[in-house]
Amino acid sequence: MLVGREEDLYASRVAVRDVNWLAEPPEGPVRVAAKLRYRHAESPALLVPTGPDTVLLEFDEPQRAPAPGQGAVFYQGERVLGGGVVKG
């Protein structure tokens, strides 16, 4: 039984809620490296603020299987900017 295609698991945009900022929140879009799970490699993305505790991550390359409830962390170099929870 085929439930879906492999390519259907990929997404270029991921909405994130409950963002906890460890640095000053950006006022506009900013380039970041982002991780969607603990063992996931950092991937380049554009972080677009959409509210005081929400952002949209627009990845340069589609990411496999982003799932609601997963953690998302954003970096600039070695500096952690913040993180949140992938929206459902």
PDB file of N, CA and C in Angstrom:
ATOM      1  N   MET A   1       0.830  -1.166   0.000  1.00  0.00           N
ATOM      2  CA  MET A   1       0.000   0.000   0.000  1.00  0.00           C
ATOM      3  C   MET A   1       0.884   1.242   0.000  1.00  0.00           C
ATOM      4  N   LEU A   2       0.615   2.169  -0.896  1.00  0.00           N
ATOM      5  CA  LEU A   2       1.367   3.409  -1.013  1.00  0.00           C
ATOM      6  C   LEU A   2       0.545   4.532  -0.390  1.00  0.00           C
ATOM      7  N   VAL A   3       1.102   5.164   0.642  1.00  0.00           N
ATOM      8  CA  VAL A   3       0.395   6.225   1.343  1.00  0.00           C
ATOM      9  C   VAL A   3       0.741   7.586   0.740  1.00  0.00           C
ATOM     10  N   GLY A   4       1.966   7.737   0.286  1.00  0.00           N
ATOM     11  CA  GLY A   4       2.414   9.001  -0.293  1.00  0.00           C
ATOM     12  C   GLY A   4       3.752   8.821  -0.951  1.00  0.00           C
ATOM     13  N   ARG A   5       4.147   9.843  -1.657  1.00  0.00           N
ATOM     14  CA  ARG A   5       5.439   9.807  -2.348  1.00  0.00           C
ATOM     15  C   ARG A   5       6.527  10.399  -1.461  1.00  0.00           C
ATOM     16  N   GLU A   6       7.752   9.948  -1.645  1.00  0.00           N
ATOM     17  CA  GLU A   6       8.906  10.445  -0.891  1.00  0.00           C
ATOM     18  C   GLU A   6       9.013  11.961  -1.002  1.00  0.00           C
ATOM     19  N   GLU A   7       8.838  12.505  -2.188  1.00  0.00           N
ATOM     20  CA  GLU A   7       8.989  13.961  -2.373  1.00  0.00           C
ATOM     21  C   GLU A   7       7.932  14.754  -1.609  1.00  0.00           C
ATOM     22  N   ASP A   8       6.821  14.114  -1.237  1.00  0.00           N
ATOM     23  CA  ASP A   8       5.787  14.797  -0.471  1.00  0.00           C
ATOM     24  C   ASP A   8       6.213  15.053   0.981  1.00  0.00           C
ATOM     25  N   LEU A   9       7.290  14.419   1.409  1.00  0.00           N
ATOM     26  CA  LEU A   9       7.783  14.596   2.775  1.00  0.00           C
ATOM     27  C   LEU A   9       8.587  15.880   2.944  1.00  0.00           C
ATOM     28  N   TYR A  10       8.948  16.541   1.858  1.00  0.00           N
ATOM     29  CA  TYR A  10       9.849  17.693   1.913  1.00  0.00           C
ATOM     30  C   TYR A  10       9.086  19.008   1.922  1.00  0.00           C
ATOM     31  N   ALA A  11       9.624  19.969   2.692  1.00  0.00           N
ATOM     32  CA  ALA A  11       9.026  21.304   2.760  1.00  0.00           C
ATOM     33  C   ALA A  11      10.135  22.354   2.755  1.00  0.00           C
ATOM     34  N   SER A  12       9.909  23.437   2.043  1.00  0.00           N
ATOM     35  CA  SER A  12      10.866  24.545   2.000  1.00  0.00           C
ATOM     36  C   SER A  12      10.555  25.604   3.045  1.00  0.00           C
ATOM     37  N   ARG A  13       9.305  25.640   3.507  1.00  0.00           N
ATOM     38  CA  ARG A  13       8.883  26.641   4.486  1.00  0.00           C
ATOM     39  C   ARG A  13       8.326  25.940   5.722  1.00  0.00           C
ATOM     40  N   VAL A  14       8.747  26.451   6.881  1.00  0.00           N
ATOM     41  CA  VAL A  14       8.288  25.879   8.143  1.00  0.00           C
ATOM     42  C   VAL A  14       7.909  27.028   9.077  1.00  0.00           C
ATOM     43  N   ALA A  15       6.686  27.018   9.571  1.00  0.00           N
ATOM     44  CA  ALA A  15       6.237  28.008  10.553  1.00  0.00           C
ATOM     45  C   ALA A  15       6.632  27.521  11.946  1.00  0.00           C
ATOM     46  N   VAL A  16       7.096  28.457  12.769  1.00  0.00           N
ATOM     47  CA  VAL A  16       7.570  28.133  14.125  1.00  0.00           C
ATOM     48  C   VAL A  16       6.843  29.030  15.123  1.00  0.00           C
ATOM     49  N   ARG A  17       6.370  28.432  16.218  1.00  0.00           N
ATOM     50  CA  ARG A  17       5.649  29.166  17.265  1.00  0.00           C
ATOM     51  C   ARG A  17       6.417  29.093  18.580  1.00  0.00           C
ATOM     52  N   ASP A  18       5.946  29.828  19.556  1.00  0.00           N
ATOM     53  CA  ASP A  18       6.526  29.807  20.909  1.00  0.00           C
ATOM     54  C   ASP A  18       8.034  30.047  20.884  1.00  0.00           C
ATOM     55  N   VAL A  19       8.459  31.003  20.058  1.00  0.00           N
ATOM     56  CA  VAL A  19       9.886  31.278  19.921  1.00  0.00           C
ATOM     57  C   VAL A  19      10.417  31.914  21.201  1.00  0.00           C
ATOM     58  N   ASN A  20      11.516  31.368  21.674  1.00  0.00           N
ATOM     59  CA  ASN A  20      12.247  31.901  22.821  1.00  0.00           C
ATOM     60  C   ASN A  20      13.531  32.510  22.276  1.00  0.00           C
ATOM     61  N   TRP A  21      13.647  33.824  22.345  1.00  0.00           N
ATOM     62  CA  TRP A  21      14.822  34.521  21.809  1.00  0.00           C
ATOM     63  C   TRP A  21      15.924  34.561  22.851  1.00  0.00           C
ATOM     64  N   LEU A  22      17.140  34.168  22.451  1.00  0.00           N
ATOM     65  CA  LEU A  22      18.313  34.263  23.315  1.00  0.00           C
ATOM     66  C   LEU A  22      19.155  35.466  22.922  1.00  0.00           C
ATOM     67  N   ALA A  23      18.767  36.126  21.854  1.00  0.00           N
ATOM     68  CA  ALA A  23      19.408  37.344  21.365  1.00  0.00           C
ATOM     69  C   ALA A  23      18.283  38.324  21.049  1.00  0.00           C
ATOM     70  N   GLU A  24      18.636  39.541  20.717  1.00  0.00           N
ATOM     71  CA  GLU A  24      17.630  40.533  20.335  1.00  0.00           C
ATOM     72  C   GLU A  24      16.873  40.026  19.110  1.00  0.00           C
ATOM     73  N   PRO A  25      15.534  39.967  19.169  1.00  0.00           N
ATOM     74  CA  PRO A  25      14.768  39.496  18.008  1.00  0.00           C
ATOM     75  C   PRO A  25      15.002  40.399  16.796  1.00  0.00           C
ATOM     76  N   PRO A  26      15.155  39.817  15.613  1.00  0.00           N
ATOM     77  CA  PRO A  26      15.360  40.644  14.423  1.00  0.00           C
ATOM     78  C   PRO A  26      14.092  41.420  14.073  1.00  0.00           C
ATOM     79  N   GLU A  27      14.273  42.605  13.512  1.00  0.00           N
ATOM     80  CA  GLU A  27      13.125  43.424  13.112  1.00  0.00           C
ATOM     81  C   GLU A  27      12.616  43.049  11.722  1.00  0.00           C
ATOM     82  N   GLY A  28      13.441  42.338  10.962  1.00  0.00           N
ATOM     83  CA  GLY A  28      13.059  41.926   9.626  1.00  0.00           C
ATOM     84  C   GLY A  28      13.726  40.607   9.293  1.00  0.00           C
ATOM     85  N   PRO A  29      13.614  40.171   8.043  1.00  0.00           N
ATOM     86  CA  PRO A  29      14.228  38.905   7.632  1.00  0.00           C
ATOM     87  C   PRO A  29      15.742  38.905   7.852  1.00  0.00           C
ATOM     88  N   VAL A  30      16.254  37.755   8.245  1.00  0.00           N
ATOM     89  CA  VAL A  30      17.683  37.597   8.508  1.00  0.00           C
ATOM     90  C   VAL A  30      18.120  36.191   8.087  1.00  0.00           C
ATOM     91  N   ARG A  31      19.328  36.083   7.550  1.00  0.00           N
ATOM     92  CA  ARG A  31      19.892  34.780   7.170  1.00  0.00           C
ATOM     93  C   ARG A  31      20.359  34.056   8.426  1.00  0.00           C
ATOM     94  N   VAL A  32      20.026  32.766   8.495  1.00  0.00           N
ATOM     95  CA  VAL A  32      20.394  31.940   9.638  1.00  0.00           C
ATOM     96  C   VAL A  32      20.774  30.544   9.151  1.00  0.00           C
ATOM     97  N   ALA A  33      21.306  29.772  10.069  1.00  0.00           N
ATOM     98  CA  ALA A  33      21.394  28.322   9.909  1.00  0.00           C
ATOM     99  C   ALA A  33      20.347  27.778  10.881  1.00  0.00           C
ATOM    100  N   ALA A  34      19.587  26.788  10.489  1.00  0.00           N
ATOM    101  CA  ALA A  34      18.515  26.274  11.341  1.00  0.00           C
ATOM    102  C   ALA A  34      18.571  24.758  11.411  1.00  0.00           C
ATOM    103  N   LYS A  35      18.168  24.234  12.571  1.00  0.00           N
ATOM    104  CA  LYS A  35      18.054  22.787  12.779  1.00  0.00           C
ATOM    105  C   LYS A  35      16.625  22.486  13.192  1.00  0.00           C
ATOM    106  N   LEU A  36      16.074  21.406  12.654  1.00  0.00           N
ATOM    107  CA  LEU A  36      14.713  21.005  12.991  1.00  0.00           C
ATOM    108  C   LEU A  36      14.639  19.827  13.946  1.00  0.00           C
ATOM    109  N   ARG A  37      15.726  19.178  14.173  1.00  0.00           N
ATOM    110  CA  ARG A  37      15.765  18.094  15.148  1.00  0.00           C
ATOM    111  C   ARG A  37      17.193  17.954  15.667  1.00  0.00           C
ATOM    112  N   TYR A  38      17.339  17.285  16.777  1.00  0.00           N
ATOM    113  CA  TYR A  38      18.621  17.207  17.493  1.00  0.00           C
ATOM    114  C   TYR A  38      19.774  16.759  16.604  1.00  0.00           C
ATOM    115  N   ARG A  39      19.609  15.706  15.851  1.00  0.00           N
ATOM    116  CA  ARG A  39      20.703  15.161  15.036  1.00  0.00           C
ATOM    117  C   ARG A  39      20.690  15.663  13.599  1.00  0.00           C
ATOM    118  N   HIS A  40      19.850  16.627  13.331  1.00  0.00           N
ATOM    119  CA  HIS A  40      19.726  17.210  12.001  1.00  0.00           C
ATOM    120  C   HIS A  40      20.890  18.161  11.742  1.00  0.00           C
ATOM    121  N   ALA A  41      21.410  18.151  10.539  1.00  0.00           N
ATOM    122  CA  ALA A  41      22.466  19.092  10.188  1.00  0.00           C
ATOM    123  C   ALA A  41      21.875  20.492  10.041  1.00  0.00           C
ATOM    124  N   GLU A  42      22.664  21.498  10.387  1.00  0.00           N
ATOM    125  CA  GLU A  42      22.225  22.875  10.182  1.00  0.00           C
ATOM    126  C   GLU A  42      22.027  23.110   8.686  1.00  0.00           C
ATOM    127  N   SER A  43      20.983  23.852   8.351  1.00  0.00           N
ATOM    128  CA  SER A  43      20.681  24.162   6.955  1.00  0.00           C
ATOM    129  C   SER A  43      20.464  25.662   6.818  1.00  0.00           C
ATOM    130  N   PRO A  44      21.004  26.276   5.743  1.00  0.00           N
ATOM    131  CA  PRO A  44      20.805  27.710   5.543  1.00  0.00           C
ATOM    132  C   PRO A  44      19.342  28.036   5.265  1.00  0.00           C
ATOM    133  N   ALA A  45      18.898  29.149   5.863  1.00  0.00           N
ATOM    134  CA  ALA A  45      17.498  29.552   5.723  1.00  0.00           C
ATOM    135  C   ALA A  45      17.367  31.056   5.919  1.00  0.00           C
ATOM    136  N   LEU A  46      16.249  31.571   5.465  1.00  0.00           N
ATOM    137  CA  LEU A  46      15.862  32.942   5.748  1.00  0.00           C
ATOM    138  C   LEU A  46      14.832  32.874   6.858  1.00  0.00           C
ATOM    139  N   LEU A  47      15.092  33.568   7.964  1.00  0.00           N
ATOM    140  CA  LEU A  47      14.170  33.632   9.082  1.00  0.00           C
ATOM    141  C   LEU A  47      13.367  34.919   8.932  1.00  0.00           C
ATOM    142  N   VAL A  48      12.050  34.775   8.855  1.00  0.00           N
ATOM    143  CA  VAL A  48      11.158  35.922   8.675  1.00  0.00           C
ATOM    144  C   VAL A  48      10.269  36.044   9.909  1.00  0.00           C
ATOM    145  N   PRO A  49      10.457  37.091  10.721  1.00  0.00           N
ATOM    146  CA  PRO A  49       9.579  37.277  11.871  1.00  0.00           C
ATOM    147  C   PRO A  49       8.132  37.509  11.412  1.00  0.00           C
ATOM    148  N   THR A  50       7.182  36.838  12.054  1.00  0.00           N
ATOM    149  CA  THR A  50       5.764  36.993  11.704  1.00  0.00           C
ATOM    150  C   THR A  50       4.931  37.455  12.894  1.00  0.00           C
ATOM    151  N   GLY A  51       5.554  37.573  14.052  1.00  0.00           N
ATOM    152  CA  GLY A  51       4.888  38.018  15.269  1.00  0.00           C
ATOM    153  C   GLY A  51       5.905  38.062  16.389  1.00  0.00           C
ATOM    154  N   PRO A  52       5.497  38.441  17.599  1.00  0.00           N
ATOM    155  CA  PRO A  52       6.451  38.546  18.696  1.00  0.00           C
ATOM    156  C   PRO A  52       7.098  37.212  19.083  1.00  0.00           C
ATOM    157  N   ASP A  53       6.376  36.107  18.875  1.00  0.00           N
ATOM    158  CA  ASP A  53       6.939  34.795  19.216  1.00  0.00           C
ATOM    159  C   ASP A  53       6.706  33.776  18.105  1.00  0.00           C
ATOM    160  N   THR A  54       6.620  34.265  16.853  1.00  0.00           N
ATOM    161  CA  THR A  54       6.461  33.366  15.708  1.00  0.00           C
ATOM    162  C   THR A  54       7.376  33.814  14.572  1.00  0.00           C
ATOM    163  N   VAL A  55       7.850  32.833  13.807  1.00  0.00           N
ATOM    164  CA  VAL A  55       8.683  33.106  12.638  1.00  0.00           C
ATOM    165  C   VAL A  55       8.350  32.111  11.541  1.00  0.00           C
ATOM    166  N   LEU A  56       8.791  32.439  10.342  1.00  0.00           N
ATOM    167  CA  LEU A  56       8.722  31.525   9.213  1.00  0.00           C
ATOM    168  C   LEU A  56      10.152  31.256   8.792  1.00  0.00           C
ATOM    169  N   LEU A  57      10.517  29.986   8.662  1.00  0.00           N
ATOM    170  CA  LEU A  57      11.827  29.608   8.138  1.00  0.00           C
ATOM    171  C   LEU A  57      11.650  29.223   6.677  1.00  0.00           C
ATOM    172  N   GLU A  58      12.376  29.896   5.792  1.00  0.00           N
ATOM    173  CA  GLU A  58      12.369  29.578   4.362  1.00  0.00           C
ATOM    174  C   GLU A  58      13.731  28.990   4.027  1.00  0.00           C
ATOM    175  N   PHE A  59      13.783  27.665   3.927  1.00  0.00           N
ATOM    176  CA  PHE A  59      15.045  26.960   3.719  1.00  0.00           C
ATOM    177  C   PHE A  59      15.514  27.075   2.274  1.00  0.00           C
ATOM    178  N   ASP A  60      16.844  27.145   2.098  1.00  0.00           N
ATOM    179  CA  ASP A  60      17.432  27.167   0.757  1.00  0.00           C
ATOM    180  C   ASP A  60      17.161  25.852   0.029  1.00  0.00           C
ATOM    181  N   GLU A  61      17.198  24.755   0.773  1.00  0.00           N
ATOM    182  CA  GLU A  61      16.914  23.415   0.243  1.00  0.00           C
ATOM    183  C   GLU A  61      15.767  22.818   1.051  1.00  0.00           C
ATOM    184  N   PRO A  62      14.804  22.183   0.401  1.00  0.00           N
ATOM    185  CA  PRO A  62      13.694  21.577   1.148  1.00  0.00           C
ATOM    186  C   PRO A  62      14.198  20.606   2.225  1.00  0.00           C
ATOM    187  N   GLN A  63      13.505  20.601   3.356  1.00  0.00           N
ATOM    188  CA  GLN A  63      13.865  19.758   4.494  1.00  0.00           C
ATOM    189  C   GLN A  63      12.919  18.568   4.569  1.00  0.00           C
ATOM    190  N   ARG A  64      13.476  17.416   4.931  1.00  0.00           N
ATOM    191  CA  ARG A  64      12.685  16.191   4.976  1.00  0.00           C
ATOM    192  C   ARG A  64      11.870  16.113   6.264  1.00  0.00           C
ATOM    193  N   ALA A  65      10.597  15.914   6.112  1.00  0.00           N
ATOM    194  CA  ALA A  65       9.643  15.569   7.168  1.00  0.00           C
ATOM    195  C   ALA A  65       9.624  16.506   8.373  1.00  0.00           C
ATOM    196  N   PRO A  66       9.490  17.826   8.153  1.00  0.00           N
ATOM    197  CA  PRO A  66       9.275  18.672   9.329  1.00  0.00           C
ATOM    198  C   PRO A  66       7.907  18.331   9.912  1.00  0.00           C
ATOM    199  N   ALA A  67       7.848  18.127  11.217  1.00  0.00           N
ATOM    200  CA  ALA A  67       6.601  17.672  11.843  1.00  0.00           C
ATOM    201  C   ALA A  67       6.195  18.603  12.976  1.00  0.00           C
ATOM    202  N   PRO A  68       4.906  18.833  13.127  1.00  0.00           N
ATOM    203  CA  PRO A  68       4.426  19.651  14.236  1.00  0.00           C
ATOM    204  C   PRO A  68       4.937  19.119  15.572  1.00  0.00           C
ATOM    205  N   GLY A  69       5.369  20.042  16.407  1.00  0.00           N
ATOM    206  CA  GLY A  69       5.876  19.666  17.729  1.00  0.00           C
ATOM    207  C   GLY A  69       7.379  19.502  17.793  1.00  0.00           C
ATOM    208  N   GLN A  70       8.040  19.386  16.648  1.00  0.00           N
ATOM    209  CA  GLN A  70       9.501  19.292  16.643  1.00  0.00           C
ATOM    210  C   GLN A  70      10.096  20.620  17.055  1.00  0.00           C
ATOM    211  N   GLY A  71      11.285  20.562  17.613  1.00  0.00           N
ATOM    212  CA  GLY A  71      12.011  21.777  17.941  1.00  0.00           C
ATOM    213  C   GLY A  71      12.669  22.354  16.708  1.00  0.00           C
ATOM    214  N   ALA A  72      12.827  23.674  16.692  1.00  0.00           N
ATOM    215  CA  ALA A  72      13.565  24.375  15.645  1.00  0.00           C
ATOM    216  C   ALA A  72      14.484  25.365  16.353  1.00  0.00           C
ATOM    217  N   VAL A  73      15.754  25.373  15.976  1.00  0.00           N
ATOM    218  CA  VAL A  73      16.742  26.268  16.577  1.00  0.00           C
ATOM    219  C   VAL A  73      17.418  27.044  15.464  1.00  0.00           C
ATOM    220  N   PHE A  74      17.674  28.347  15.706  1.00  0.00           N
ATOM    221  CA  PHE A  74      18.268  29.218  14.695  1.00  0.00           C
ATOM    222  C   PHE A  74      19.617  29.735  15.190  1.00  0.00           C
ATOM    223  N   TYR A  75      20.599  29.740  14.288  1.00  0.00           N
ATOM    224  CA  TYR A  75      21.965  30.144  14.615  1.00  0.00           C
ATOM    225  C   TYR A  75      22.476  31.195  13.640  1.00  0.00           C
ATOM    226  N   GLN A  76      23.404  32.008  14.127  1.00  0.00           N
ATOM    227  CA  GLN A  76      24.239  32.843  13.272  1.00  0.00           C
ATOM    228  C   GLN A  76      25.661  32.554  13.712  1.00  0.00           C
ATOM    229  N   GLY A  77      26.377  31.796  12.876  1.00  0.00           N
ATOM    230  CA  GLY A  77      27.705  31.331  13.279  1.00  0.00           C
ATOM    231  C   GLY A  77      27.579  30.407  14.470  1.00  0.00           C
ATOM    232  N   GLU A  78      28.359  30.665  15.514  1.00  0.00           N
ATOM    233  CA  GLU A  78      28.318  29.852  16.735  1.00  0.00           C
ATOM    234  C   GLU A  78      27.256  30.343  17.720  1.00  0.00           C
ATOM    235  N   ARG A  79      26.609  31.436  17.411  1.00  0.00           N
ATOM    236  CA  ARG A  79      25.659  32.082  18.317  1.00  0.00           C
ATOM    237  C   ARG A  79      24.235  31.546  18.096  1.00  0.00           C
ATOM    238  N   VAL A  80      23.604  31.097  19.168  1.00  0.00           N
ATOM    239  CA  VAL A  80      22.202  30.667  19.107  1.00  0.00           C
ATOM    240  C   VAL A  80      21.338  31.916  19.232  1.00  0.00           C
ATOM    241  N   LEU A  81      20.494  32.158  18.229  1.00  0.00           N
ATOM    242  CA  LEU A  81      19.578  33.301  18.279  1.00  0.00           C
ATOM    243  C   LEU A  81      18.326  32.972  19.088  1.00  0.00           C
ATOM    244  N   GLY A  82      17.845  31.732  18.935  1.00  0.00           N
ATOM    245  CA  GLY A  82      16.638  31.331  19.632  1.00  0.00           C
ATOM    246  C   GLY A  82      16.106  30.031  19.086  1.00  0.00           C
ATOM    247  N   GLY A  83      14.933  29.675  19.530  1.00  0.00           N
ATOM    248  CA  GLY A  83      14.314  28.441  19.064  1.00  0.00           C
ATOM    249  C   GLY A  83      12.849  28.430  19.418  1.00  0.00           C
ATOM    250  N   GLY A  84      12.128  27.475  18.831  1.00  0.00           N
ATOM    251  CA  GLY A  84      10.705  27.346  19.066  1.00  0.00           C
ATOM    252  C   GLY A  84      10.209  25.975  18.653  1.00  0.00           C
ATOM    253  N   VAL A  85       8.916  25.902  18.410  1.00  0.00           N
ATOM    254  CA  VAL A  85       8.246  24.646  18.096  1.00  0.00           C
ATOM    255  C   VAL A  85       7.612  24.741  16.711  1.00  0.00           C
ATOM    256  N   VAL A  86       7.824  23.722  15.885  1.00  0.00           N
ATOM    257  CA  VAL A  86       7.228  23.687  14.551  1.00  0.00           C
ATOM    258  C   VAL A  86       5.709  23.640  14.705  1.00  0.00           C
ATOM    259  N   LYS A  87       5.027  24.542  13.997  1.00  0.00           N
ATOM    260  CA  LYS A  87       3.557  24.618  14.056  1.00  0.00           C
ATOM    261  C   LYS A  87       2.922  23.442  13.317  1.00  0.00           C
ATOM    262  N   GLY A  88       1.723  23.117  13.740  1.00  0.00           N
ATOM    263  CA  GLY A  88       0.950  22.070  13.099  1.00  0.00           C
ATOM    264  C   GLY A  88       0.134  22.565  11.947  1.00  0.00           C
TER     265      GLY A  88
END
